[in-house]
N, C-alpha and C. Protein backbone atom coordinates (compact mmCIF):
# COMPACT_ATOMS: atom_id res chain seq x y z
N MET A 1 -18.34 -65.62 6.42
CA MET A 1 -18.64 -66.01 5.05
C MET A 1 -17.33 -66.52 4.42
N ASN A 2 -17.35 -67.73 3.95
CA ASN A 2 -16.17 -68.34 3.36
C ASN A 2 -16.43 -68.70 1.90
N GLU A 3 -16.87 -67.74 1.13
CA GLU A 3 -17.16 -67.99 -0.28
C GLU A 3 -15.86 -68.14 -1.06
N THR A 4 -15.91 -68.93 -2.12
CA THR A 4 -14.74 -69.13 -2.96
C THR A 4 -15.03 -68.62 -4.37
N CYS A 5 -13.98 -68.38 -5.13
CA CYS A 5 -14.10 -67.85 -6.48
C CYS A 5 -14.78 -68.88 -7.38
N ASP A 6 -15.83 -68.48 -8.08
CA ASP A 6 -16.55 -69.37 -8.98
C ASP A 6 -15.74 -69.73 -10.21
N ARG A 7 -14.74 -68.94 -10.56
CA ARG A 7 -13.92 -69.25 -11.73
C ARG A 7 -12.66 -70.05 -11.37
N CYS A 8 -12.03 -69.71 -10.25
CA CYS A 8 -10.77 -70.37 -9.87
C CYS A 8 -10.98 -71.68 -9.11
N GLY A 9 -12.10 -71.79 -8.41
CA GLY A 9 -12.37 -72.99 -7.65
C GLY A 9 -12.20 -72.81 -6.16
N PRO A 10 -12.34 -73.90 -5.41
CA PRO A 10 -12.39 -73.82 -3.95
C PRO A 10 -11.08 -73.44 -3.26
N ALA A 11 -9.97 -73.44 -3.97
CA ALA A 11 -8.70 -73.09 -3.34
C ALA A 11 -8.52 -71.58 -3.19
N ILE A 12 -9.32 -70.78 -3.88
CA ILE A 12 -9.16 -69.32 -3.89
C ILE A 12 -10.39 -68.67 -3.27
N GLY A 13 -10.18 -67.84 -2.28
CA GLY A 13 -11.27 -67.13 -1.63
C GLY A 13 -11.82 -66.01 -2.50
N ALA A 14 -13.10 -65.76 -2.38
CA ALA A 14 -13.74 -64.69 -3.16
C ALA A 14 -13.52 -63.35 -2.49
N ALA A 15 -13.39 -62.30 -3.29
CA ALA A 15 -13.26 -60.94 -2.79
C ALA A 15 -14.48 -60.10 -3.16
N TYR A 16 -15.26 -60.56 -4.16
CA TYR A 16 -16.42 -59.80 -4.64
C TYR A 16 -17.60 -60.72 -4.85
N ARG A 17 -18.80 -60.18 -4.56
CA ARG A 17 -20.06 -60.83 -4.93
C ARG A 17 -20.62 -60.00 -6.07
N VAL A 18 -21.03 -60.65 -7.14
CA VAL A 18 -21.51 -59.95 -8.32
C VAL A 18 -22.96 -60.37 -8.54
N ASP A 19 -23.88 -59.39 -8.57
CA ASP A 19 -25.32 -59.66 -8.66
C ASP A 19 -25.91 -59.20 -9.97
N ARG A 20 -26.87 -59.96 -10.43
CA ARG A 20 -27.76 -59.56 -11.52
C ARG A 20 -29.02 -60.39 -11.31
N VAL A 21 -29.29 -61.36 -12.16
CA VAL A 21 -30.40 -62.27 -11.94
C VAL A 21 -29.97 -63.32 -10.91
N GLY A 22 -28.73 -63.74 -10.98
CA GLY A 22 -28.13 -64.66 -10.03
C GLY A 22 -26.99 -63.96 -9.33
N GLU A 23 -26.05 -64.74 -8.81
CA GLU A 23 -24.88 -64.11 -8.21
C GLU A 23 -23.64 -64.96 -8.48
N LEU A 24 -22.53 -64.26 -8.60
CA LEU A 24 -21.22 -64.89 -8.78
C LEU A 24 -20.33 -64.44 -7.63
N TYR A 25 -19.36 -65.27 -7.30
CA TYR A 25 -18.32 -64.88 -6.35
C TYR A 25 -17.01 -64.94 -7.09
N LEU A 26 -16.25 -63.84 -7.06
CA LEU A 26 -15.00 -63.74 -7.81
C LEU A 26 -13.86 -63.28 -6.90
N CYS A 27 -12.66 -63.81 -7.15
CA CYS A 27 -11.47 -63.31 -6.47
C CYS A 27 -11.11 -61.96 -7.09
N GLY A 28 -10.17 -61.27 -6.51
CA GLY A 28 -9.77 -59.95 -7.00
C GLY A 28 -9.25 -59.99 -8.42
N GLN A 29 -8.46 -61.01 -8.75
CA GLN A 29 -7.90 -61.11 -10.10
C GLN A 29 -8.99 -61.35 -11.14
N CYS A 30 -9.91 -62.26 -10.88
CA CYS A 30 -10.99 -62.53 -11.83
C CYS A 30 -11.92 -61.32 -11.95
N ALA A 31 -12.18 -60.65 -10.82
CA ALA A 31 -13.03 -59.46 -10.87
C ALA A 31 -12.40 -58.38 -11.73
N SER A 32 -11.08 -58.19 -11.61
CA SER A 32 -10.39 -57.19 -12.43
C SER A 32 -10.49 -57.52 -13.91
N ARG A 33 -10.35 -58.80 -14.24
CA ARG A 33 -10.41 -59.20 -15.65
C ARG A 33 -11.82 -59.13 -16.22
N GLN A 34 -12.83 -59.39 -15.40
CA GLN A 34 -14.21 -59.49 -15.89
C GLN A 34 -15.05 -58.25 -15.64
N TRP A 35 -14.50 -57.27 -14.92
CA TRP A 35 -15.28 -56.11 -14.47
C TRP A 35 -15.97 -55.39 -15.62
N ARG A 36 -15.24 -55.05 -16.65
CA ARG A 36 -15.80 -54.27 -17.76
C ARG A 36 -16.93 -55.01 -18.47
N ALA A 37 -16.71 -56.29 -18.79
CA ALA A 37 -17.72 -57.07 -19.53
C ALA A 37 -18.98 -57.30 -18.69
N LEU A 38 -18.80 -57.65 -17.41
CA LEU A 38 -19.96 -57.91 -16.57
C LEU A 38 -20.71 -56.62 -16.25
N SER A 39 -20.01 -55.53 -16.03
CA SER A 39 -20.67 -54.25 -15.77
C SER A 39 -21.49 -53.80 -16.98
N ALA A 40 -20.97 -54.02 -18.17
CA ALA A 40 -21.68 -53.65 -19.40
C ALA A 40 -22.98 -54.44 -19.54
N GLN A 41 -23.03 -55.63 -18.95
CA GLN A 41 -24.23 -56.47 -19.02
C GLN A 41 -25.17 -56.23 -17.85
N GLY A 42 -24.85 -55.26 -16.99
CA GLY A 42 -25.74 -54.91 -15.90
C GLY A 42 -25.45 -55.59 -14.57
N TRP A 43 -24.33 -56.29 -14.45
CA TRP A 43 -23.96 -56.93 -13.19
C TRP A 43 -23.43 -55.87 -12.23
N THR A 44 -23.71 -56.01 -10.95
CA THR A 44 -23.26 -55.09 -9.91
C THR A 44 -22.24 -55.78 -9.02
N PHE A 45 -21.11 -55.14 -8.78
CA PHE A 45 -20.03 -55.70 -7.97
C PHE A 45 -20.14 -55.16 -6.54
N TRP A 46 -20.04 -56.07 -5.57
CA TRP A 46 -20.04 -55.72 -4.16
C TRP A 46 -18.83 -56.35 -3.50
N PRO A 47 -17.97 -55.58 -2.86
CA PRO A 47 -16.83 -56.18 -2.15
C PRO A 47 -17.33 -56.98 -0.95
N LEU A 48 -16.73 -58.12 -0.72
CA LEU A 48 -17.09 -58.94 0.44
C LEU A 48 -16.39 -58.40 1.68
N GLY A 49 -17.01 -58.55 2.82
CA GLY A 49 -16.40 -58.14 4.07
C GLY A 49 -16.48 -56.65 4.35
N VAL A 50 -17.18 -55.90 3.51
CA VAL A 50 -17.35 -54.47 3.72
C VAL A 50 -18.82 -54.22 3.98
N HIS A 51 -19.13 -53.55 5.07
CA HIS A 51 -20.51 -53.24 5.40
C HIS A 51 -20.85 -51.87 4.84
N ALA A 52 -21.82 -51.83 3.96
CA ALA A 52 -22.24 -50.57 3.35
C ALA A 52 -23.62 -50.19 3.88
N ILE A 53 -23.86 -48.91 4.02
CA ILE A 53 -25.16 -48.43 4.46
C ILE A 53 -25.90 -47.89 3.25
N ALA A 54 -27.08 -48.42 3.04
CA ALA A 54 -27.91 -47.98 1.92
C ALA A 54 -28.43 -46.58 2.20
N PRO A 55 -28.65 -45.76 1.16
CA PRO A 55 -29.17 -44.40 1.36
C PRO A 55 -30.50 -44.40 2.11
N GLN A 56 -31.31 -45.44 1.94
CA GLN A 56 -32.61 -45.50 2.60
C GLN A 56 -32.46 -45.59 4.12
N ALA A 57 -31.35 -46.14 4.61
CA ALA A 57 -31.16 -46.29 6.04
C ALA A 57 -31.08 -44.94 6.73
N SER A 58 -30.37 -43.99 6.14
CA SER A 58 -30.27 -42.67 6.76
C SER A 58 -31.59 -41.91 6.66
N ALA A 59 -32.35 -42.10 5.60
CA ALA A 59 -33.64 -41.43 5.44
C ALA A 59 -34.64 -41.97 6.46
N ALA A 60 -34.59 -43.26 6.73
CA ALA A 60 -35.51 -43.86 7.70
C ALA A 60 -35.22 -43.37 9.11
N ALA A 61 -34.00 -43.01 9.40
CA ALA A 61 -33.64 -42.56 10.74
C ALA A 61 -33.98 -41.08 10.96
N GLY A 62 -34.55 -40.42 9.96
CA GLY A 62 -34.91 -39.02 10.11
C GLY A 62 -33.89 -38.07 9.54
N TYR A 63 -32.91 -38.58 8.83
CA TYR A 63 -31.88 -37.76 8.21
C TYR A 63 -32.06 -37.79 6.70
N GLY A 64 -31.56 -36.80 6.03
CA GLY A 64 -31.62 -36.78 4.57
C GLY A 64 -32.89 -36.12 4.07
N PRO A 65 -33.15 -36.20 2.76
CA PRO A 65 -34.27 -35.49 2.14
C PRO A 65 -35.62 -35.86 2.71
N VAL A 66 -35.86 -37.12 3.04
CA VAL A 66 -37.16 -37.52 3.56
C VAL A 66 -37.40 -36.90 4.92
N GLY A 67 -36.40 -36.94 5.80
CA GLY A 67 -36.53 -36.36 7.14
C GLY A 67 -36.65 -34.84 7.09
N ASP A 68 -35.96 -34.21 6.15
CA ASP A 68 -36.00 -32.75 6.04
C ASP A 68 -37.36 -32.24 5.57
N ALA A 69 -38.06 -33.04 4.78
CA ALA A 69 -39.36 -32.62 4.23
C ALA A 69 -40.46 -32.61 5.29
N ALA A 70 -40.25 -33.33 6.37
CA ALA A 70 -41.31 -33.46 7.39
C ALA A 70 -41.45 -32.25 8.25
């Protein structure tokens, strides 16, 4: 994934994907400056290049509260 910062332009690589109704790609500096305002409006920040496991993934594998109830 070679996304670039939507504020700085194509010369700067993005470090975060920000989701709400649409999505933004921001470098670390822009994300730091905009974090508070965008979070207050309901935007969610996701670091790029980091693989996260959703809580549902562990429940589907038989672990966690759903697996324990069976």
